[in-house]
Amino acid sequence: MEEMLILPNKEVEAVFRGQSRITQRGQITLPMEIRKKFELKPGNVVCFFEVDGSVFLKLGPIVLSE
């Protein structure tokens, strides 16, 4: 099931917070600045969304409903 992410119909300011390289096992490391800013700990869930050919992360979990 696909989750619909509705974005506001306006320009959105984006702030660069770092980058990460994908490992051979498909893993990434979230930059320390992001982990600190959002108080992320081991076991936290992040969700991936595709919007207009870009990938966005959102703190989860996301609850899907029919």
Protein backbone atom coordinates (compact mmCIF):
# COMPACT_ATOMS: atom_id res chain seq x y z
CA MET A 1 0.00 0.00 0.00
CA GLU A 2 1.33 3.46 -0.87
CA GLU A 3 1.08 6.39 1.54
CA MET A 4 0.05 9.72 0.01
CA LEU A 5 2.24 12.58 1.22
CA ILE A 6 0.58 15.95 0.64
CA LEU A 7 3.00 18.85 0.32
CA PRO A 8 1.98 22.49 0.63
CA ASN A 9 1.48 24.32 -2.65
CA LYS A 10 4.28 26.81 -1.95
CA GLU A 11 8.04 27.07 -2.00
CA VAL A 12 9.73 25.19 0.82
CA GLU A 13 13.08 26.17 2.30
CA ALA A 14 15.51 23.28 2.42
CA VAL A 15 18.50 23.19 4.76
CA PHE A 16 21.45 20.95 3.87
CA ARG A 17 22.29 18.78 6.91
CA GLY A 18 24.98 16.46 5.53
CA GLN A 19 25.33 13.49 3.26
CA SER A 20 25.97 9.77 3.52
CA ARG A 21 27.22 7.04 1.22
CA ILE A 22 25.21 3.83 0.69
CA THR A 23 27.13 0.69 1.68
CA GLN A 24 27.19 -2.53 -0.35
CA ARG A 25 24.50 -3.84 2.00
CA GLY A 26 22.25 -0.85 1.21
CA GLN A 27 22.79 0.86 4.57
CA ILE A 28 23.29 4.55 5.28
CA THR A 29 24.46 6.44 8.35
CA LEU A 30 22.40 9.45 9.37
CA PRO A 31 24.72 12.43 9.93
CA MET A 32 25.43 13.27 13.59
CA GLU A 33 23.86 16.74 13.21
CA ILE A 34 20.54 15.11 12.18
CA ARG A 35 20.68 12.52 14.99
CA LYS A 36 21.32 15.24 17.58
CA LYS A 37 18.77 17.73 16.22
CA PHE A 38 15.95 15.18 16.16
CA GLU A 39 17.18 13.19 19.20
CA LEU A 40 17.33 9.97 17.16
CA LYS A 41 18.35 6.83 19.01
CA PRO A 42 18.96 3.22 17.94
CA GLY A 43 15.62 1.56 17.24
CA ASN A 44 13.86 4.74 16.05
CA VAL A 45 11.91 4.30 12.81
CA VAL A 46 12.39 6.51 9.75
CA CYS A 47 10.16 6.25 6.68
CA PHE A 48 11.17 6.88 3.08
CA PHE A 49 8.87 8.68 0.63
CA GLU A 50 9.30 9.26 -3.09
CA VAL A 51 8.02 12.64 -4.28
CA ASP A 52 8.57 13.84 -7.84
CA GLY A 53 11.68 11.70 -8.28
CA SER A 54 13.26 12.64 -4.94
CA VAL A 55 13.47 10.64 -1.71
CA PHE A 56 12.41 12.20 1.60
CA LEU A 57 12.82 10.86 5.12
CA LYS A 58 10.19 11.29 7.81
CA LEU A 59 10.28 10.20 11.41
CA GLY A 60 7.94 7.26 11.84
CA PRO A 61 6.31 5.01 12.30
CA ILE A 62 3.64 5.80 9.71
CA VAL A 63 0.26 4.21 10.32
CA LEU A 64 -1.43 3.27 7.06
CA SER A 65 -5.21 3.12 6.88
CA GLU A 66 -7.52 1.94 4.13
